[in-house]
């Protein structure tokens, strides 16, 4: 009996509980329970994860829907200031834009403006001249640069007809200059090349004959210009002559110069004049039986009887007093300019 009891006590006394293991197990179970609770809460809140909201951007239409209206006159009278206005419709108000005015693609004025306020007009005074342009292209441009997006630009243009002074005004204005410049003597180097490159301006020729008040019994007038060796053909009447043709000529050489002055076409001949070794044809006489006992005429260059040109020179004084011309030019005078037409040799 005593032996059995000892064994039981010994067995009981040798076992004791592991409290550290129990504590660790309880803590692990608690963490698992907390994780399961959080996971459940997340599943209960919805299937998709939450995302950040993007900011809302408000776009300023600026000039994208705007129309620009350019107000310009169709015709600008002489010595009148050109005034142009601009209106803008359907544009965003209170935006700052760059306004630019152009005439024939040349910038006239530019400045910064605020849409919704009165926009500046454009004023231009033209400098008048005889050869000034008859029209002007006016263009207006508005440019807007937004804080975001691409720059915007709208524009409009108009064509303005510019009236100028009439021809008589410019003839009267230019007459003193032209009359002082025109001479009655040859000034070249006696070459055809010089003659081809030098002549009076066409308008200056008209100024000369109109300022001199030349008249004619026909609708034609001829001015033989000794300075540049030209026969200038005009149509019209006294004070209203207009240049229609210009022909290169050769007048009388030194010692046998072409007689200066005012005369008329006297007669003509298709057969021309024949001499010992050459002929000229046709001829159109403008001096009959001068003090030298000879006639002076427009005619061709001299031809040998073989049909070959005997002397082809032209463009400088080389004749014996008559006026040499190319074949087609003398034929024009022969066919078109009537007898009685005034001929000025100056």
C-alpha atoms as a PDB file:
ATOM      1  CA  UNK A   1       0.000   0.000   0.000  1.00  0.00           C
ATOM      2  CA  UNK A   2       2.681   2.465   0.822  1.00  0.00           C
ATOM      3  CA  UNK A   3       4.600   1.761  -2.320  1.00  0.00           C
ATOM      4  CA  UNK A   4       1.637   2.493  -4.644  1.00  0.00           C
ATOM      5  CA  UNK A   5       0.929   5.896  -3.127  1.00  0.00           C
ATOM      6  CA  UNK A   6       4.476   7.059  -3.613  1.00  0.00           C
ATOM      7  CA  UNK A   7       4.377   6.290  -7.250  1.00  0.00           C
ATOM      8  CA  UNK A   8       1.193   8.324  -7.773  1.00  0.00           C
ATOM      9  CA  UNK A   9       2.544  11.315  -5.950  1.00  0.00           C
ATOM     10  CA  UNK A  10       5.778  11.186  -7.802  1.00  0.00           C
ATOM     11  CA  UNK A  11       3.989  11.167 -11.122  1.00  0.00           C
ATOM     12  CA  UNK A  12       1.794  14.067 -10.170  1.00  0.00           C
ATOM     13  CA  UNK A  13       4.569  16.126  -8.757  1.00  0.00           C
ATOM     14  CA  UNK A  14       6.692  15.795 -11.910  1.00  0.00           C
ATOM     15  CA  UNK A  15       4.057  17.598 -14.291  1.00  0.00           C
ATOM     16  CA  UNK A  16       3.458  21.301 -14.353  1.00  0.00           C
ATOM     17  CA  UNK A  17       1.558  23.406 -17.007  1.00  0.00           C
ATOM     18  CA  UNK A  18       3.529  25.503 -19.802  1.00  0.00           C
ATOM     19  CA  UNK A  19       2.025  28.964 -19.265  1.00  0.00           C
ATOM     20  CA  UNK A  20       4.280  30.649 -21.925  1.00  0.00           C
ATOM     21  CA  UNK A  21       2.972  28.339 -24.642  1.00  0.00           C
ATOM     22  CA  UNK A  22      -0.591  28.985 -23.599  1.00  0.00           C
ATOM     23  CA  UNK A  23      -0.020  32.777 -23.670  1.00  0.00           C
ATOM     24  CA  UNK A  24       1.566  32.710 -27.202  1.00  0.00           C
ATOM     25  CA  UNK A  25      -1.270  30.609 -28.533  1.00  0.00           C
ATOM     26  CA  UNK A  26      -3.888  32.943 -27.166  1.00  0.00           C
ATOM     27  CA  UNK A  27      -2.105  36.019 -28.677  1.00  0.00           C
ATOM     28  CA  UNK A  28      -1.829  34.356 -32.131  1.00  0.00           C
ATOM     29  CA  UNK A  29      -5.473  33.428 -32.081  1.00  0.00           C
ATOM     30  CA  UNK A  30      -6.355  37.044 -31.174  1.00  0.00           C
ATOM     31  CA  UNK A  31      -4.326  38.478 -34.105  1.00  0.00           C
ATOM     32  CA  UNK A  32      -5.959  36.062 -36.542  1.00  0.00           C
ATOM     33  CA  UNK A  33      -9.383  37.037 -35.283  1.00  0.00           C
ATOM     34  CA  UNK A  34      -8.559  40.782 -35.690  1.00  0.00           C
ATOM     35  CA  UNK A  35      -7.305  40.251 -39.288  1.00  0.00           C
ATOM     36  CA  UNK A  36     -10.436  38.278 -40.132  1.00  0.00           C
ATOM     37  CA  UNK A  37     -12.552  41.070 -38.712  1.00  0.00           C
ATOM     38  CA  UNK A  38     -10.784  43.749 -40.788  1.00  0.00           C
ATOM     39  CA  UNK A  39     -11.001  41.648 -43.942  1.00  0.00           C
ATOM     40  CA  UNK A  40     -14.658  41.192 -43.374  1.00  0.00           C
ATOM     41  CA  UNK A  41     -15.146  44.893 -42.876  1.00  0.00           C
ATOM     42  CA  UNK A  42     -13.385  45.636 -46.170  1.00  0.00           C
ATOM     43  CA  UNK A  43     -15.481  43.070 -48.019  1.00  0.00           C
ATOM     44  CA  UNK A  44     -18.630  44.562 -46.523  1.00  0.00           C
ATOM     45  CA  UNK A  45     -17.663  48.093 -47.734  1.00  0.00           C
ATOM     46  CA  UNK A  46     -17.815  47.141 -51.470  1.00  0.00           C
ATOM     47  CA  UNK A  47     -16.131  45.127 -54.208  1.00  0.00           C
ATOM     48  CA  UNK A  48     -13.927  47.971 -55.765  1.00  0.00           C
ATOM     49  CA  UNK A  49     -11.116  49.844 -54.019  1.00  0.00           C
ATOM     50  CA  UNK A  50     -11.577  53.599 -53.490  1.00  0.00           C
ATOM     51  CA  UNK A  51      -9.928  56.015 -56.090  1.00  0.00           C
ATOM     52  CA  UNK A  52      -9.006  59.729 -55.982  1.00  0.00           C
ATOM     53  CA  UNK A  53     -11.344  62.149 -57.862  1.00  0.00           C
ATOM     54  CA  UNK A  54      -9.824  64.129 -60.843  1.00  0.00           C
ATOM     55  CA  UNK A  55     -10.104  67.974 -60.733  1.00  0.00           C
ATOM     56  CA  UNK A  56     -12.744  69.566 -63.014  1.00  0.00           C
ATOM     57  CA  UNK A  57     -11.196  71.833 -65.722  1.00  0.00           C
ATOM     58  CA  UNK A  58     -13.374  74.737 -66.955  1.00  0.00           C
ATOM     59  CA  UNK A  59     -12.506  75.555 -70.608  1.00  0.00           C
ATOM     60  CA  UNK A  60     -12.701  79.189 -71.765  1.00  0.00           C
ATOM     61  CA  UNK A  61     -14.091  79.274 -75.343  1.00  0.00           C
ATOM     62  CA  UNK A  62     -12.251  82.544 -76.033  1.00  0.00           C
ATOM     63  CA  UNK A  63     -12.575  83.344 -79.755  1.00  0.00           C
ATOM     64  CA  UNK A  64     -13.510  79.830 -80.888  1.00  0.00           C
ATOM     65  CA  UNK A  65     -17.148  80.788 -81.555  1.00  0.00           C
ATOM     66  CA  UNK A  66     -16.537  84.465 -82.372  1.00  0.00           C
ATOM     67  CA  UNK A  67     -17.164  86.375 -85.593  1.00  0.00           C
ATOM     68  CA  UNK A  68     -15.208  89.479 -86.602  1.00  0.00           C
ATOM     69  CA  UNK A  69     -16.889  92.190 -88.696  1.00  0.00           C
ATOM     70  CA  UNK A  70     -14.703  94.706 -90.553  1.00  0.00           C
ATOM     71  CA  UNK A  71     -16.329  97.997 -91.542  1.00  0.00           C
ATOM     72  CA  UNK A  72     -14.398  99.764 -94.333  1.00  0.00           C
ATOM     73  CA  UNK A  73     -15.475 102.090 -97.182  1.00  0.00           C
ATOM     74  CA  UNK A  74     -15.706 100.617-100.678  1.00  0.00           C
ATOM     75  CA  UNK A  75     -14.356 103.824-102.262  1.00  0.00           C
ATOM     76  CA  UNK A  76     -12.013 106.361-100.683  1.00  0.00           C
ATOM     77  CA  UNK A  77     -12.301 109.865-102.210  1.00  0.00           C
ATOM     78  CA  UNK A  78      -9.168 111.878-102.935  1.00  0.00           C
ATOM     79  CA  UNK A  79      -7.343 113.260 -99.871  1.00  0.00           C
ATOM     80  CA  UNK A  80      -9.720 111.528 -97.450  1.00  0.00           C
ATOM     81  CA  UNK A  81      -8.548 109.753 -94.306  1.00  0.00           C
ATOM     82  CA  UNK A  82      -9.230 106.034 -94.426  1.00  0.00           C
ATOM     83  CA  UNK A  83     -11.150 105.034 -91.260  1.00  0.00           C
ATOM     84  CA  UNK A  84     -11.996 101.391 -90.516  1.00  0.00           C
ATOM     85  CA  UNK A  85     -13.934  99.926 -87.582  1.00  0.00           C
ATOM     86  CA  UNK A  86     -14.223  96.406 -86.165  1.00  0.00           C
ATOM     87  CA  UNK A  87     -16.987  94.589 -84.263  1.00  0.00           C
ATOM     88  CA  UNK A  88     -16.682  91.183 -82.581  1.00  0.00           C
ATOM     89  CA  UNK A  89     -19.701  88.926 -81.999  1.00  0.00           C
ATOM     90  CA  UNK A  90     -20.116  85.801 -79.825  1.00  0.00           C
ATOM     91  CA  UNK A  91     -16.720  86.107 -78.145  1.00  0.00           C
ATOM     92  CA  UNK A  92     -16.024  85.380 -74.473  1.00  0.00           C
ATOM     93  CA  UNK A  93     -16.216  88.663 -72.597  1.00  0.00           C
ATOM     94  CA  UNK A  94     -13.404  90.224 -70.570  1.00  0.00           C
ATOM     95  CA  UNK A  95     -10.563  88.355 -72.259  1.00  0.00           C
ATOM     96  CA  UNK A  96      -7.389  90.140 -73.296  1.00  0.00           C
ATOM     97  CA  UNK A  97      -6.532  89.963 -77.037  1.00  0.00           C
ATOM     98  CA  UNK A  98      -3.978  91.441 -79.407  1.00  0.00           C
ATOM     99  CA  UNK A  99      -5.588  93.510 -82.194  1.00  0.00           C
ATOM    100  CA  UNK A 100      -3.522  94.237 -85.327  1.00  0.00           C
ATOM    101  CA  UNK A 101      -4.405  96.357 -88.392  1.00  0.00           C
ATOM    102  CA  UNK A 102      -2.670  95.796 -91.744  1.00  0.00           C
ATOM    103  CA  UNK A 103      -2.756  97.554 -95.116  1.00  0.00           C
ATOM    104  CA  UNK A 104      -1.406  95.477 -98.013  1.00  0.00           C
ATOM    105  CA  UNK A 105       0.173  93.119 -95.444  1.00  0.00           C
ATOM    106  CA  UNK A 106       2.084  95.969 -93.797  1.00  0.00           C
ATOM    107  CA  UNK A 107       1.392  96.400 -90.084  1.00  0.00           C
ATOM    108  CA  UNK A 108      -0.162  99.801 -89.355  1.00  0.00           C
ATOM    109  CA  UNK A 109      -0.970  99.540 -85.641  1.00  0.00           C
ATOM    110  CA  UNK A 110      -1.212  96.851 -82.944  1.00  0.00           C
ATOM    111  CA  UNK A 111      -2.220  96.949 -79.279  1.00  0.00           C
ATOM    112  CA  UNK A 112      -3.645  94.857 -76.429  1.00  0.00           C
ATOM    113  CA  UNK A 113      -7.430  95.169 -75.935  1.00  0.00           C
ATOM    114  CA  UNK A 114     -10.148  93.737 -73.711  1.00  0.00           C
ATOM    115  CA  UNK A 115     -13.100  92.040 -75.409  1.00  0.00           C
ATOM    116  CA  UNK A 116     -16.329  93.621 -74.256  1.00  0.00           C
ATOM    117  CA  UNK A 117     -14.921  97.144 -74.389  1.00  0.00           C
ATOM    118  CA  UNK A 118     -14.895  99.514 -77.380  1.00  0.00           C
ATOM    119  CA  UNK A 119     -12.223  98.338 -79.820  1.00  0.00           C
ATOM    120  CA  UNK A 120      -9.886 100.891 -81.443  1.00  0.00           C
ATOM    121  CA  UNK A 121     -10.418 101.882 -85.081  1.00  0.00           C
ATOM    122  CA  UNK A 122      -7.709 102.286 -87.727  1.00  0.00           C
ATOM    123  CA  UNK A 123      -6.965 105.600 -89.467  1.00  0.00           C
ATOM    124  CA  UNK A 124      -4.625 106.057 -92.435  1.00  0.00           C
ATOM    125  CA  UNK A 125      -3.721 109.074 -94.578  1.00  0.00           C
ATOM    126  CA  UNK A 126      -2.272 108.112 -97.963  1.00  0.00           C
ATOM    127  CA  UNK A 127       0.530 109.928 -99.744  1.00  0.00           C
ATOM    128  CA  UNK A 128      -0.754 110.607-103.244  1.00  0.00           C
ATOM    129  CA  UNK A 129       1.295 110.157-106.386  1.00  0.00           C
ATOM    130  CA  UNK A 130       0.529 109.630-110.056  1.00  0.00           C
ATOM    131  CA  UNK A 131       1.517 105.955-109.949  1.00  0.00           C
ATOM    132  CA  UNK A 132       0.092 105.044-106.540  1.00  0.00           C
ATOM    133  CA  UNK A 133      -1.891 101.823-106.182  1.00  0.00           C
ATOM    134  CA  UNK A 134      -5.558 102.033-107.080  1.00  0.00           C
ATOM    135  CA  UNK A 135      -6.638  99.694-104.271  1.00  0.00           C
ATOM    136  CA  UNK A 136      -5.683  98.913-100.686  1.00  0.00           C
ATOM    137  CA  UNK A 137      -6.310  95.603 -98.897  1.00  0.00           C
ATOM    138  CA  UNK A 138      -7.245  96.228 -95.262  1.00  0.00           C
ATOM    139  CA  UNK A 139      -6.954  93.329 -92.806  1.00  0.00           C
ATOM    140  CA  UNK A 140      -7.845  93.108 -89.120  1.00  0.00           C
ATOM    141  CA  UNK A 141      -6.571  90.329 -86.837  1.00  0.00           C
ATOM    142  CA  UNK A 142      -7.506  89.377 -83.261  1.00  0.00           C
ATOM    143  CA  UNK A 143      -5.257  86.947 -81.367  1.00  0.00           C
ATOM    144  CA  UNK A 144      -6.061  85.326 -78.011  1.00  0.00           C
ATOM    145  CA  UNK A 145      -3.598  83.214 -76.021  1.00  0.00           C
ATOM    146  CA  UNK A 146      -5.462  81.215 -73.325  1.00  0.00           C
ATOM    147  CA  UNK A 147      -3.872  79.912 -70.132  1.00  0.00           C
ATOM    148  CA  UNK A 148      -4.450  76.381 -71.429  1.00  0.00           C
ATOM    149  CA  UNK A 149      -4.865  75.222 -75.011  1.00  0.00           C
ATOM    150  CA  UNK A 150      -3.723  76.514 -78.366  1.00  0.00           C
ATOM    151  CA  UNK A 151      -3.606  80.224 -79.400  1.00  0.00           C
ATOM    152  CA  UNK A 152      -6.723  81.434 -81.231  1.00  0.00           C
ATOM    153  CA  UNK A 153      -6.875  83.948 -84.081  1.00  0.00           C
ATOM    154  CA  UNK A 154      -9.707  85.359 -86.184  1.00  0.00           C
ATOM    155  CA  UNK A 155      -9.355  87.868 -89.019  1.00  0.00           C
ATOM    156  CA  UNK A 156     -11.220  89.656 -91.800  1.00  0.00           C
ATOM    157  CA  UNK A 157     -10.207  91.786 -94.787  1.00  0.00           C
ATOM    158  CA  UNK A 158     -11.714  94.259 -97.248  1.00  0.00           C
ATOM    159  CA  UNK A 159     -10.604  95.865-100.515  1.00  0.00           C
ATOM    160  CA  UNK A 160     -10.836  99.662-100.710  1.00  0.00           C
ATOM    161  CA  UNK A 161     -10.771 101.487-104.060  1.00  0.00           C
ATOM    162  CA  UNK A 162      -8.596 104.610-103.747  1.00  0.00           C
ATOM    163  CA  UNK A 163      -9.549 107.488-106.003  1.00  0.00           C
ATOM    164  CA  UNK A 164      -6.641 109.534-107.373  1.00  0.00           C
ATOM    165  CA  UNK A 165      -6.369 112.963-108.937  1.00  0.00           C
ATOM    166  CA  UNK A 166      -7.179 113.044-112.638  1.00  0.00           C
ATOM    167  CA  UNK A 167      -4.565 113.070-115.392  1.00  0.00           C
ATOM    168  CA  UNK A 168      -4.810 116.843-115.935  1.00  0.00           C
ATOM    169  CA  UNK A 169      -3.838 117.454-112.307  1.00  0.00           C
ATOM    170  CA  UNK A 170      -0.621 115.466-112.679  1.00  0.00           C
ATOM    171  CA  UNK A 171       0.221 117.002-116.058  1.00  0.00           C
ATOM    172  CA  UNK A 172      -0.090 120.480-114.583  1.00  0.00           C
ATOM    173  CA  UNK A 173       1.920 119.470-111.524  1.00  0.00           C
ATOM    174  CA  UNK A 174       4.742 117.825-113.536  1.00  0.00           C
ATOM    175  CA  UNK A 175       4.917 120.360-116.385  1.00  0.00           C
ATOM    176  CA  UNK A 176       7.631 122.647-114.914  1.00  0.00           C
ATOM    177  CA  UNK A 177       9.959 119.712-114.297  1.00  0.00           C
ATOM    178  CA  UNK A 178       9.400 118.081-117.702  1.00  0.00           C
ATOM    179  CA  UNK A 179       9.773 121.314-119.690  1.00  0.00           C
ATOM    180  CA  UNK A 180      13.086 121.958-117.970  1.00  0.00           C
ATOM    181  CA  UNK A 181      14.396 118.450-118.686  1.00  0.00           C
ATOM    182  CA  UNK A 182      13.438 118.016-122.354  1.00  0.00           C
ATOM    183  CA  UNK A 183      16.150 119.181-124.764  1.00  0.00           C
ATOM    184  CA  UNK A 184      16.371 119.532-128.540  1.00  0.00           C
ATOM    185  CA  UNK A 185      19.871 118.116-128.975  1.00  0.00           C
ATOM    186  CA  UNK A 186      21.280 114.608-129.127  1.00  0.00           C
ATOM    187  CA  UNK A 187      23.082 113.536-125.933  1.00  0.00           C
ATOM    188  CA  UNK A 188      23.969 109.870-126.613  1.00  0.00           C
ATOM    189  CA  UNK A 189      27.167 108.043-127.575  1.00  0.00           C
ATOM    190  CA  UNK A 190      26.134 107.323-131.185  1.00  0.00           C
ATOM    191  CA  UNK A 191      25.344 103.655-130.602  1.00  0.00           C
ATOM    192  CA  UNK A 192      22.143 101.686-131.018  1.00  0.00           C
ATOM    193  CA  UNK A 193      22.688 100.181-127.573  1.00  0.00           C
ATOM    194  CA  UNK A 194      22.515 103.599-125.917  1.00  0.00           C
ATOM    195  CA  UNK A 195      19.344 104.452-127.816  1.00  0.00           C
ATOM    196  CA  UNK A 196      17.672 101.220-126.744  1.00  0.00           C
ATOM    197  CA  UNK A 197      18.393 101.930-123.090  1.00  0.00           C
ATOM    198  CA  UNK A 198      17.538 105.640-122.933  1.00  0.00           C
ATOM    199  CA  UNK A 199      14.292 107.510-123.492  1.00  0.00           C
ATOM    200  CA  UNK A 200      11.885 109.825-121.715  1.00  0.00           C
ATOM    201  CA  UNK A 201       9.155 108.305-119.570  1.00  0.00           C
ATOM    202  CA  UNK A 202       5.883 107.792-121.483  1.00  0.00           C
ATOM    203  CA  UNK A 203       3.982 110.103-119.147  1.00  0.00           C
ATOM    204  CA  UNK A 204       6.663 112.777-119.429  1.00  0.00           C
ATOM    205  CA  UNK A 205       6.152 112.700-123.201  1.00  0.00           C
ATOM    206  CA  UNK A 206       2.455 113.362-122.709  1.00  0.00           C
ATOM    207  CA  UNK A 207       3.227 116.140-120.248  1.00  0.00           C
ATOM    208  CA  UNK A 208       5.558 117.786-122.782  1.00  0.00           C
ATOM    209  CA  UNK A 209       3.146 117.938-125.742  1.00  0.00           C
ATOM    210  CA  UNK A 210       0.164 118.915-123.567  1.00  0.00           C
ATOM    211  CA  UNK A 211       2.063 121.562-121.595  1.00  0.00           C
ATOM    212  CA  UNK A 212       3.251 123.038-124.914  1.00  0.00           C
ATOM    213  CA  UNK A 213      -0.378 123.124-126.068  1.00  0.00           C
ATOM    214  CA  UNK A 214       0.359 121.640-129.480  1.00  0.00           C
ATOM    215  CA  UNK A 215      -2.643 121.280-131.773  1.00  0.00           C
ATOM    216  CA  UNK A 216      -3.259 119.310-134.954  1.00  0.00           C
ATOM    217  CA  UNK A 217      -5.804 119.346-137.759  1.00  0.00           C
ATOM    218  CA  UNK A 218      -6.173 115.595-137.316  1.00  0.00           C
ATOM    219  CA  UNK A 219      -6.574 113.324-134.332  1.00  0.00           C
ATOM    220  CA  UNK A 220      -2.846 112.549-134.507  1.00  0.00           C
ATOM    221  CA  UNK A 221       0.302 114.369-133.418  1.00  0.00           C
ATOM    222  CA  UNK A 222       3.941 113.360-134.012  1.00  0.00           C
ATOM    223  CA  UNK A 223       6.823 114.513-131.819  1.00  0.00           C
ATOM    224  CA  UNK A 224      10.284 113.675-133.150  1.00  0.00           C
ATOM    225  CA  UNK A 225      12.515 113.781-130.095  1.00  0.00           C
ATOM    226  CA  UNK A 226      16.087 114.596-131.133  1.00  0.00           C
ATOM    227  CA  UNK A 227      17.549 113.853-127.691  1.00  0.00           C
ATOM    228  CA  UNK A 228      16.694 110.161-127.670  1.00  0.00           C
ATOM    229  CA  UNK A 229      16.009 109.626-131.397  1.00  0.00           C
ATOM    230  CA  UNK A 230      12.335 108.708-131.168  1.00  0.00           C
ATOM    231  CA  UNK A 231       9.205 109.422-133.192  1.00  0.00           C
ATOM    232  CA  UNK A 232       6.340 109.545-130.682  1.00  0.00           C
ATOM    233  CA  UNK A 233       2.777 109.170-131.993  1.00  0.00           C
ATOM    234  CA  UNK A 234      -0.097 110.689-130.000  1.00  0.00           C
ATOM    235  CA  UNK A 235      -3.858 110.589-130.458  1.00  0.00           C
ATOM    236  CA  UNK A 236      -6.405 113.036-129.071  1.00  0.00           C
ATOM    237  CA  UNK A 237      -6.544 116.807-129.252  1.00  0.00           C
ATOM    238  CA  UNK A 238      -4.904 119.936-127.878  1.00  0.00           C
ATOM    239  CA  UNK A 239      -4.314 119.577-124.147  1.00  0.00           C
ATOM    240  CA  UNK A 240      -5.489 115.963-124.218  1.00  0.00           C
ATOM    241  CA  UNK A 241      -2.857 114.040-126.176  1.00  0.00           C
ATOM    242  CA  UNK A 242      -2.159 110.428-125.209  1.00  0.00           C
ATOM    243  CA  UNK A 243       0.877 108.450-126.361  1.00  0.00           C
ATOM    244  CA  UNK A 244      -0.003 105.444-128.552  1.00  0.00           C
ATOM    245  CA  UNK A 245       3.232 104.499-130.380  1.00  0.00           C
ATOM    246  CA  UNK A 246       6.974 105.122-130.088  1.00  0.00           C
ATOM    247  CA  UNK A 247       9.418 104.339-132.924  1.00  0.00           C
ATOM    248  CA  UNK A 248      13.208 104.346-132.945  1.00  0.00           C
ATOM    249  CA  UNK A 249      14.617 106.684-135.646  1.00  0.00           C
ATOM    250  CA  UNK A 250      17.810 108.242-136.982  1.00  0.00           C
ATOM    251  CA  UNK A 251      17.777 111.993-137.596  1.00  0.00           C
ATOM    252  CA  UNK A 252      20.238 114.193-139.525  1.00  0.00           C
ATOM    253  CA  UNK A 253      23.933 113.886-138.749  1.00  0.00           C
ATOM    254  CA  UNK A 254      26.045 116.886-137.666  1.00  0.00           C
ATOM    255  CA  UNK A 255      26.287 119.356-140.541  1.00  0.00           C
ATOM    256  CA  UNK A 256      23.104 117.990-142.102  1.00  0.00           C
ATOM    257  CA  UNK A 257      20.805 118.070-139.112  1.00  0.00           C
ATOM    258  CA  UNK A 258      17.050 117.634-139.276  1.00  0.00           C
ATOM    259  CA  UNK A 259      15.285 120.964-139.348  1.00  0.00           C
ATOM    260  CA  UNK A 260      13.713 121.836-135.998  1.00  0.00           C
ATOM    261  CA  UNK A 261      10.285 123.377-135.566  1.00  0.00           C
ATOM    262  CA  UNK A 262       6.600 122.643-136.012  1.00  0.00           C
ATOM    263  CA  UNK A 263       5.282 121.534-139.395  1.00  0.00           C
ATOM    264  CA  UNK A 264       2.700 119.143-140.853  1.00  0.00           C
ATOM    265  CA  UNK A 265       2.638 116.049-143.017  1.00  0.00           C
ATOM    266  CA  UNK A 266       2.497 117.322-146.602  1.00  0.00           C
ATOM    267  CA  UNK A 267       2.311 114.255-148.850  1.00  0.00           C
ATOM    268  CA  UNK A 268       3.383 110.643-149.274  1.00  0.00           C
ATOM    269  CA  UNK A 269       4.637 108.219-151.889  1.00  0.00           C
ATOM    270  CA  UNK A 270       4.677 104.441-151.885  1.00  0.00           C
ATOM    271  CA  UNK A 271       7.406 104.310-154.557  1.00  0.00           C
ATOM    272  CA  UNK A 272       9.703 106.517-152.493  1.00  0.00           C
ATOM    273  CA  UNK A 273      12.894 108.184-153.741  1.00  0.00           C
ATOM    274  CA  UNK A 274      15.498 106.599-155.985  1.00  0.00           C
ATOM    275  CA  UNK A 275      19.131 107.667-156.189  1.00  0.00           C
ATOM    276  CA  UNK A 276      22.178 106.421-158.110  1.00  0.00           C
ATOM    277  CA  UNK A 277      23.076 103.581-155.771  1.00  0.00           C
ATOM    278  CA  UNK A 278      20.136 103.197-153.370  1.00  0.00           C
ATOM    279  CA  UNK A 279      16.464 103.893-152.766  1.00  0.00           C
ATOM    280  CA  UNK A 280      14.155 104.552-149.788  1.00  0.00           C
ATOM    281  CA  UNK A 281      10.445 103.758-149.601  1.00  0.00           C
ATOM    282  CA  UNK A 282       7.811 104.574-148.725  1.00  0.00           C
ATOM    283  CA  UNK A 283       8.199 108.262-147.855  1.00  0.00           C
ATOM    284  CA  UNK A 284       5.989 110.661-145.872  1.00  0.00           C
ATOM    285  CA  UNK A 285       7.033 114.313-146.407  1.00  0.00           C
ATOM    286  CA  UNK A 286       6.905 116.851-143.572  1.00  0.00           C
ATOM    287  CA  UNK A 287       9.050 119.713-145.009  1.00  0.00           C
ATOM    288  CA  UNK A 288       8.588 120.682-148.675  1.00  0.00           C
ATOM    289  CA  UNK A 289      11.380 122.554-150.520  1.00  0.00           C
ATOM    290  CA  UNK A 290      13.320 124.045-147.655  1.00  0.00           C
ATOM    291  CA  UNK A 291      15.876 126.797-148.034  1.00  0.00           C
ATOM    292  CA  UNK A 292      18.268 124.075-149.140  1.00  0.00           C
ATOM    293  CA  UNK A 293      15.914 123.297-151.968  1.00  0.00           C
ATOM    294  CA  UNK A 294      15.181 119.819-150.673  1.00  0.00           C
ATOM    295  CA  UNK A 295      12.289 118.011-149.016  1.00  0.00           C
ATOM    296  CA  UNK A 296      12.462 116.183-145.707  1.00  0.00           C
ATOM    297  CA  UNK A 297      10.518 113.023-145.030  1.00  0.00           C
ATOM    298  CA  UNK A 298      10.058 109.976-142.896  1.00  0.00           C
ATOM    299  CA  UNK A 299      11.376 106.998-144.848  1.00  0.00           C
ATOM    300  CA  UNK A 300      13.003 103.570-144.627  1.00  0.00           C
ATOM    301  CA  UNK A 301      16.689 102.961-144.234  1.00  0.00           C
ATOM    302  CA  UNK A 302      18.520 103.007-147.612  1.00  0.00           C
ATOM    303  CA  UNK A 303      18.450  99.838-149.729  1.00  0.00           C
ATOM    304  CA  UNK A 304      20.758  98.877-152.565  1.00  0.00           C
ATOM    305  CA  UNK A 305      18.985  97.893-155.775  1.00  0.00           C
ATOM    306  CA  UNK A 306      19.896  94.294-155.025  1.00  0.00           C
ATOM    307  CA  UNK A 307      17.442  94.520-152.094  1.00  0.00           C
ATOM    308  CA  UNK A 308      20.198  94.451-149.495  1.00  0.00           C
ATOM    309  CA  UNK A 309      20.320  97.110-146.787  1.00  0.00           C
ATOM    310  CA  UNK A 310      22.923  99.648-147.842  1.00  0.00           C
ATOM    311  CA  UNK A 311      23.119 101.285-144.402  1.00  0.00           C
ATOM    312  CA  UNK A 312      21.416  99.658-141.443  1.00  0.00           C
ATOM    313  CA  UNK A 313      22.429 102.254-138.853  1.00  0.00           C
ATOM    314  CA  UNK A 314      19.669 103.738-136.695  1.00  0.00           C
ATOM    315  CA  UNK A 315      19.236 105.144-133.173  1.00  0.00           C
ATOM    316  CA  UNK A 316      21.579 108.142-133.537  1.00  0.00           C
ATOM    317  CA  UNK A 317      21.979 111.079-135.986  1.00  0.00           C
ATOM    318  CA  UNK A 318      23.321 109.607-139.232  1.00  0.00           C
ATOM    319  CA  UNK A 319      20.984 110.643-142.086  1.00  0.00           C
ATOM    320  CA  UNK A 320      21.265 113.611-144.463  1.00  0.00           C
ATOM    321  CA  UNK A 321      18.394 115.352-142.734  1.00  0.00           C
ATOM    322  CA  UNK A 322      15.460 113.014-143.218  1.00  0.00           C
ATOM    323  CA  UNK A 323      14.170 110.663-140.545  1.00  0.00           C
ATOM    324  CA  UNK A 324      15.106 107.022-141.025  1.00  0.00           C
ATOM    325  CA  UNK A 325      12.839 104.331-139.642  1.00  0.00           C
ATOM    326  CA  UNK A 326      12.520 100.570-139.568  1.00  0.00           C
ATOM    327  CA  UNK A 327      10.410  99.250-142.449  1.00  0.00           C
ATOM    328  CA  UNK A 328       7.385  98.314-140.322  1.00  0.00           C
ATOM    329  CA  UNK A 329       7.438 101.682-138.523  1.00  0.00           C
ATOM    330  CA  UNK A 330       7.461 103.878-141.630  1.00  0.00           C
ATOM    331  CA  UNK A 331       4.742 101.643-143.065  1.00  0.00           C
ATOM    332  CA  UNK A 332       2.623 102.350-139.974  1.00  0.00           C
ATOM    333  CA  UNK A 333       2.932 106.108-140.500  1.00  0.00           C
ATOM    334  CA  UNK A 334       2.301 105.739-144.241  1.00  0.00           C
ATOM    335  CA  UNK A 335      -0.871 103.674-143.638  1.00  0.00           C
ATOM    336  CA  UNK A 336      -2.328 105.448-140.590  1.00  0.00           C
ATOM    337  CA  UNK A 337      -1.231 109.071-140.136  1.00  0.00           C
ATOM    338  CA  UNK A 338      -3.112 111.415-142.484  1.00  0.00           C
ATOM    339  CA  UNK A 339      -1.825 114.507-144.259  1.00  0.00           C
ATOM    340  CA  UNK A 340      -2.236 117.659-142.201  1.00  0.00           C
ATOM    341  CA  UNK A 341      -1.049 115.963-139.005  1.00  0.00           C
ATOM    342  CA  UNK A 342       1.202 118.211-136.905  1.00  0.00           C
ATOM    343  CA  UNK A 343       4.858 117.156-136.683  1.00  0.00           C
ATOM    344  CA  UNK A 344       6.980 118.619-133.866  1.00  0.00           C
ATOM    345  CA  UNK A 345      10.755 118.297-134.256  1.00  0.00           C
ATOM    346  CA  UNK A 346      12.403 119.120-130.944  1.00  0.00           C
END
